[in-house]
Amino acid sequence: MAHATIMEADVERQLRDTIKDASKISATMPLSGVVDAFEGLATFLQSSRSQDLRLDTFCDACSLVSFLFGSLGLAFKFAEMEYVAKMHDLMAASKRYATLYNILDIDIANRSVKTQGSHSRNLRRIRQGLDLIRALFVQFMASDDHSLKDAATTAYSQVCAPYHSWAVRTAVYAGMYTLPTRDQLLLKLCETGSQTDSTLANSQDVRSLFKRLGRLLFADQTAGNKMKRYISAAAPVIEYIDNLYLSRNIGLNW
């Protein structure tokens, strides 16, 4: 029993170290940092099925995702604001509650699981945010379109629109025309050398133009690989959150 406890502590410590390193990476390469953090979460959940995920560790990883919403401009400003607000609530809750299980248990006891502002409701919204990024990445990779409008519209319609009011849906769909282009998003995610690309973009030299196109193609492929990794890593995290509710006979359609 003592040996098992030591092993669990080692696994938890390794996860915290992974997310700490991911946070450092995200300062210069946000997408890479998010991917590393969620692969750490996925590995932990898949190898430690009997061990609960700590709320503070979960929050540290999920906080890195807010930059991705910010990279999408005005269209996803509401999603970003909602995500950040819910994230701050759960971070504050992590000072009182050790695990994700704990916040559901206390809300069940208080009959406040679905109450506006409850930790359990905010966790559901964070889960939707993670799933929205996953769906967007799936759509991003399914098309080579220069515009992200169709990809973002499909992702939003699948994940968030069913739970948003008419006013919010209308504002989001109207904002789709302000989305960055595919190349602009890659630059924001720092999957290209932005300073060099800016220089090449202003150059009239044909060779420089081809170099830039080559760099953007490489960046697209590199970002695509990282998006695939996020899609795979986010799946067990989303499933874990869903099972927290389902195991307590709480439906997910809210």
Protein backbone atom coordinates (compact mmCIF):
# COMPACT_ATOMS: atom_id res chain seq x y z
CA MET A 1 0.00 0.00 0.00
CA ALA A 2 2.82 2.39 0.91
CA HIS A 3 4.60 1.50 -2.33
CA ALA A 4 1.46 2.30 -4.34
CA THR A 5 1.11 5.64 -2.54
CA ILE A 6 4.71 6.55 -3.37
CA MET A 7 4.18 5.62 -7.02
CA GLU A 8 1.03 7.76 -7.21
CA ALA A 9 2.91 10.70 -5.69
CA ASP A 10 5.67 10.27 -8.27
CA VAL A 11 3.16 10.23 -11.13
CA GLU A 12 1.46 13.36 -9.79
CA ARG A 13 4.83 15.10 -9.38
CA GLN A 14 5.81 14.17 -12.92
CA LEU A 15 2.56 15.64 -14.24
CA ARG A 16 3.10 18.91 -12.36
CA ASP A 17 6.64 19.14 -13.76
CA THR A 18 5.35 18.50 -17.28
CA ILE A 19 2.78 21.29 -17.02
CA LYS A 20 5.32 23.65 -15.49
CA ASP A 21 7.65 23.04 -18.44
CA ALA A 22 4.73 23.45 -20.86
CA SER A 23 3.93 26.82 -19.31
CA LYS A 24 7.47 28.01 -20.02
CA ILE A 25 7.27 26.80 -23.61
CA SER A 26 3.91 28.51 -24.14
CA ALA A 27 5.50 31.91 -23.55
CA THR A 28 7.10 31.70 -27.00
CA MET A 29 5.22 28.83 -28.68
CA PRO A 30 1.65 28.79 -27.28
CA LEU A 31 0.37 25.84 -29.30
CA SER A 32 3.36 23.70 -28.35
CA GLY A 33 2.85 24.51 -24.68
CA VAL A 34 -0.83 23.55 -24.78
CA VAL A 35 -0.05 20.28 -26.55
CA ASP A 36 2.64 19.30 -24.06
CA ALA A 37 0.38 20.09 -21.10
CA PHE A 38 -2.55 18.08 -22.43
CA GLU A 39 -0.41 15.15 -23.40
CA GLY A 40 0.75 15.17 -19.79
CA LEU A 41 -2.86 15.16 -18.57
CA ALA A 42 -3.79 12.38 -21.00
CA THR A 43 -0.85 10.21 -19.93
CA PHE A 44 -1.75 10.72 -16.28
CA LEU A 45 -5.42 9.83 -16.79
CA GLN A 46 -4.63 6.76 -18.86
CA SER A 47 -1.95 5.41 -16.52
CA SER A 48 -3.52 6.38 -13.18
CA ARG A 49 -7.16 5.37 -13.53
CA SER A 50 -7.56 4.93 -9.78
CA GLN A 51 -6.09 8.35 -8.98
CA ASP A 52 -8.17 11.53 -9.05
CA LEU A 53 -6.98 14.53 -11.05
CA ARG A 54 -6.06 17.46 -8.84
CA LEU A 55 -8.02 20.63 -9.51
CA ASP A 56 -5.00 22.95 -9.30
CA THR A 57 -3.06 20.80 -11.78
CA PHE A 58 -6.03 20.74 -14.15
CA CYS A 59 -6.36 24.53 -13.92
CA ASP A 60 -2.66 25.09 -14.63
CA ALA A 61 -2.98 23.11 -17.86
CA CYS A 62 -6.30 24.61 -18.97
CA SER A 63 -5.14 28.18 -18.33
CA LEU A 64 -2.75 27.82 -21.28
CA VAL A 65 -5.69 27.36 -23.66
CA SER A 66 -7.03 30.90 -23.20
CA PHE A 67 -4.33 32.23 -25.56
CA LEU A 68 -5.76 30.10 -28.36
CA PHE A 69 -9.14 31.82 -28.02
CA GLY A 70 -7.42 35.20 -28.04
CA SER A 71 -5.69 34.27 -31.29
CA LEU A 72 -9.05 33.95 -33.03
CA GLY A 73 -10.00 37.61 -32.70
CA LEU A 74 -13.41 39.20 -32.12
CA ALA A 75 -15.42 36.21 -33.32
CA PHE A 76 -14.41 34.23 -30.26
CA LYS A 77 -14.09 37.12 -27.82
CA PHE A 78 -17.19 35.99 -25.94
CA ALA A 79 -15.84 32.43 -25.74
CA GLU A 80 -12.51 33.77 -24.49
CA MET A 81 -14.11 35.97 -21.83
CA GLU A 82 -16.38 33.16 -20.65
CA TYR A 83 -13.52 30.67 -20.58
CA VAL A 84 -11.21 32.99 -18.63
CA ALA A 85 -13.94 33.87 -16.11
CA LYS A 86 -14.75 30.21 -15.47
CA MET A 87 -11.04 29.43 -15.25
CA HIS A 88 -10.51 32.08 -12.58
CA ASP A 89 -13.40 30.63 -10.56
CA LEU A 90 -11.93 27.12 -10.66
CA MET A 91 -8.46 28.42 -9.80
CA ALA A 92 -9.91 30.08 -6.72
CA ALA A 93 -11.81 26.89 -5.89
CA SER A 94 -8.58 24.88 -6.11
CA LYS A 95 -7.43 26.64 -2.93
CA ARG A 96 -10.28 24.90 -1.06
CA TYR A 97 -10.94 21.70 -2.99
CA ALA A 98 -8.29 19.15 -3.92
CA THR A 99 -9.82 17.39 -6.91
CA LEU A 100 -12.43 17.77 -9.63
CA TYR A 101 -14.47 15.11 -7.83
CA ASN A 102 -14.61 17.31 -4.73
CA ILE A 103 -16.26 20.27 -6.44
CA LEU A 104 -18.99 18.07 -7.91
CA ASP A 105 -19.60 16.39 -4.56
CA ILE A 106 -20.02 19.71 -2.75
CA ASP A 107 -22.36 21.08 -5.44
CA ILE A 108 -24.42 17.89 -5.37
CA ALA A 109 -24.72 18.21 -1.60
CA ASN A 110 -25.83 21.84 -2.04
CA ARG A 111 -28.09 20.99 -5.00
CA SER A 112 -26.30 23.62 -7.06
CA VAL A 113 -24.66 21.59 -9.84
CA LYS A 114 -26.51 23.42 -12.63
CA THR A 115 -26.85 26.73 -10.81
CA GLN A 116 -25.37 29.75 -12.57
CA GLY A 117 -21.88 30.38 -11.21
CA SER A 118 -21.45 27.02 -9.48
CA HIS A 119 -18.08 25.30 -9.79
CA SER A 120 -19.69 22.28 -11.46
CA ARG A 121 -21.39 24.46 -14.08
CA ASN A 122 -18.16 26.36 -14.69
CA LEU A 123 -16.30 23.08 -15.15
CA ARG A 124 -18.83 22.14 -17.85
CA ARG A 125 -18.09 25.42 -19.63
CA ILE A 126 -14.34 24.82 -19.44
CA ARG A 127 -14.95 21.39 -20.92
CA GLN A 128 -16.88 23.00 -23.78
CA GLY A 129 -13.98 25.38 -24.37
CA LEU A 130 -11.53 22.50 -24.66
CA ASP A 131 -13.90 20.72 -27.03
CA LEU A 132 -14.37 23.87 -29.13
CA ILE A 133 -10.63 24.11 -29.73
CA ARG A 134 -10.56 20.39 -30.55
CA ALA A 135 -13.40 20.77 -33.07
CA LEU A 136 -11.76 23.85 -34.61
CA PHE A 137 -8.49 21.98 -35.08
CA VAL A 138 -10.35 19.09 -36.72
CA GLN A 139 -11.97 21.51 -39.18
CA PHE A 140 -8.69 23.41 -39.71
CA MET A 141 -6.99 20.20 -40.82
CA ALA A 142 -9.88 19.07 -42.99
CA SER A 143 -9.46 22.02 -45.36
CA ASP A 144 -6.72 24.08 -46.97
CA ASP A 145 -8.92 27.18 -47.18
CA HIS A 146 -7.16 30.50 -46.64
CA SER A 147 -10.19 31.66 -44.65
CA LEU A 148 -11.05 30.11 -41.28
CA LYS A 149 -14.70 31.17 -41.46
CA ASP A 150 -16.17 27.81 -42.47
CA ALA A 151 -13.95 25.85 -40.07
CA ALA A 152 -14.77 28.09 -37.12
CA THR A 153 -18.48 28.26 -37.94
CA THR A 154 -18.76 24.47 -38.09
CA ALA A 155 -16.81 24.00 -34.85
CA TYR A 156 -18.89 26.58 -32.98
CA SER A 157 -22.17 25.19 -34.32
CA GLN A 158 -21.24 21.69 -33.16
CA VAL A 159 -19.97 22.48 -29.68
CA CYS A 160 -21.27 25.76 -28.26
CA ALA A 161 -24.20 27.08 -30.29
CA PRO A 162 -26.75 24.66 -28.75
CA TYR A 163 -26.06 26.15 -25.31
CA HIS A 164 -25.86 29.85 -26.22
CA SER A 165 -28.69 32.34 -26.46
CA TRP A 166 -29.88 33.70 -29.80
CA ALA A 167 -28.12 37.02 -29.11
CA VAL A 168 -24.78 35.35 -28.41
CA ARG A 169 -25.06 33.05 -31.45
CA THR A 170 -25.89 36.00 -33.69
CA ALA A 171 -22.91 38.00 -32.43
CA VAL A 172 -20.54 35.07 -32.84
CA TYR A 173 -21.67 34.27 -36.38
CA ALA A 174 -21.42 37.94 -37.36
CA GLY A 175 -17.90 38.03 -35.97
CA MET A 176 -16.75 35.13 -38.13
CA TYR A 177 -15.88 37.65 -40.83
CA THR A 178 -13.20 39.12 -38.55
CA LEU A 179 -11.31 35.86 -38.08
CA PRO A 180 -7.60 35.87 -38.92
CA THR A 181 -6.54 34.07 -42.08
CA ARG A 182 -4.93 30.66 -41.90
CA ASP A 183 -1.43 32.15 -42.20
CA GLN A 184 -2.17 34.89 -39.67
CA LEU A 185 -3.29 32.27 -37.15
CA LEU A 186 -0.07 30.33 -37.64
CA LEU A 187 1.90 33.50 -36.96
CA LYS A 188 -0.10 34.19 -33.80
CA LEU A 189 0.53 30.66 -32.58
CA CYS A 190 4.24 31.25 -33.21
CA GLU A 191 4.51 28.25 -35.50
CA THR A 192 6.56 30.35 -37.93
CA GLY A 193 9.44 32.72 -37.39
CA SER A 194 7.23 35.80 -37.26
CA GLN A 195 9.96 38.42 -37.54
CA THR A 196 11.58 36.70 -40.49
CA ASP A 197 8.24 36.12 -42.18
CA SER A 198 7.37 39.79 -41.76
CA THR A 199 10.61 40.78 -43.46
CA LEU A 200 10.01 38.35 -46.30
CA ALA A 201 6.42 39.49 -46.68
CA ASN A 202 7.61 43.03 -47.36
CA SER A 203 10.24 41.92 -49.85
CA GLN A 204 9.67 42.09 -53.58
CA ASP A 205 12.39 39.55 -54.25
CA VAL A 206 10.96 36.42 -55.91
CA ARG A 207 13.37 34.13 -54.09
CA SER A 208 12.30 35.65 -50.78
CA LEU A 209 8.67 35.09 -51.70
CA PHE A 210 9.30 31.42 -52.39
CA LYS A 211 11.22 31.12 -49.14
CA ARG A 212 8.27 32.60 -47.29
CA LEU A 213 5.83 30.27 -49.00
CA GLY A 214 8.06 27.35 -48.08
CA ARG A 215 8.23 28.47 -44.47
CA LEU A 216 4.46 28.89 -44.27
CA LEU A 217 3.93 25.44 -45.79
CA PHE A 218 6.32 23.96 -43.24
CA ALA A 219 4.57 25.90 -40.46
CA ASP A 220 1.18 24.62 -41.64
CA GLN A 221 2.44 21.04 -41.54
CA THR A 222 4.10 21.55 -38.15
CA ALA A 223 1.01 23.17 -36.67
CA GLY A 224 -1.13 20.44 -38.20
CA ASN A 225 0.90 17.77 -36.42
CA LYS A 226 0.54 19.61 -33.13
CA MET A 227 -3.18 20.05 -33.68
CA LYS A 228 -3.46 16.29 -34.22
CA ARG A 229 -1.63 15.76 -30.95
CA TYR A 230 -4.01 18.11 -29.13
CA ILE A 231 -7.05 16.36 -30.62
CA SER A 232 -5.75 13.02 -29.35
CA ALA A 233 -4.67 14.34 -25.94
CA ALA A 234 -7.84 16.34 -25.28
CA ALA A 235 -10.11 13.33 -25.87
CA PRO A 236 -9.35 11.48 -22.59
CA VAL A 237 -9.46 14.77 -20.65
CA ILE A 238 -12.91 15.59 -22.03
CA GLU A 239 -14.04 12.01 -21.41
CA TYR A 240 -12.80 12.19 -17.81
CA ILE A 241 -14.81 15.36 -17.17
CA ASP A 242 -17.93 13.89 -18.79
CA ASN A 243 -17.63 10.76 -16.65
CA LEU A 244 -17.55 12.88 -13.49
CA TYR A 245 -21.14 13.87 -14.26
CA LEU A 246 -22.34 10.61 -15.79
CA SER A 247 -21.07 8.58 -12.83
CA ARG A 248 -23.38 10.68 -10.65
CA ASN A 249 -26.36 10.28 -12.99
CA ILE A 250 -26.05 13.88 -14.20
CA GLY A 251 -26.78 14.32 -17.91
CA LEU A 252 -24.54 16.33 -20.21
CA ASN A 253 -27.07 18.25 -22.30
CA TRP A 254 -26.95 21.57 -20.44
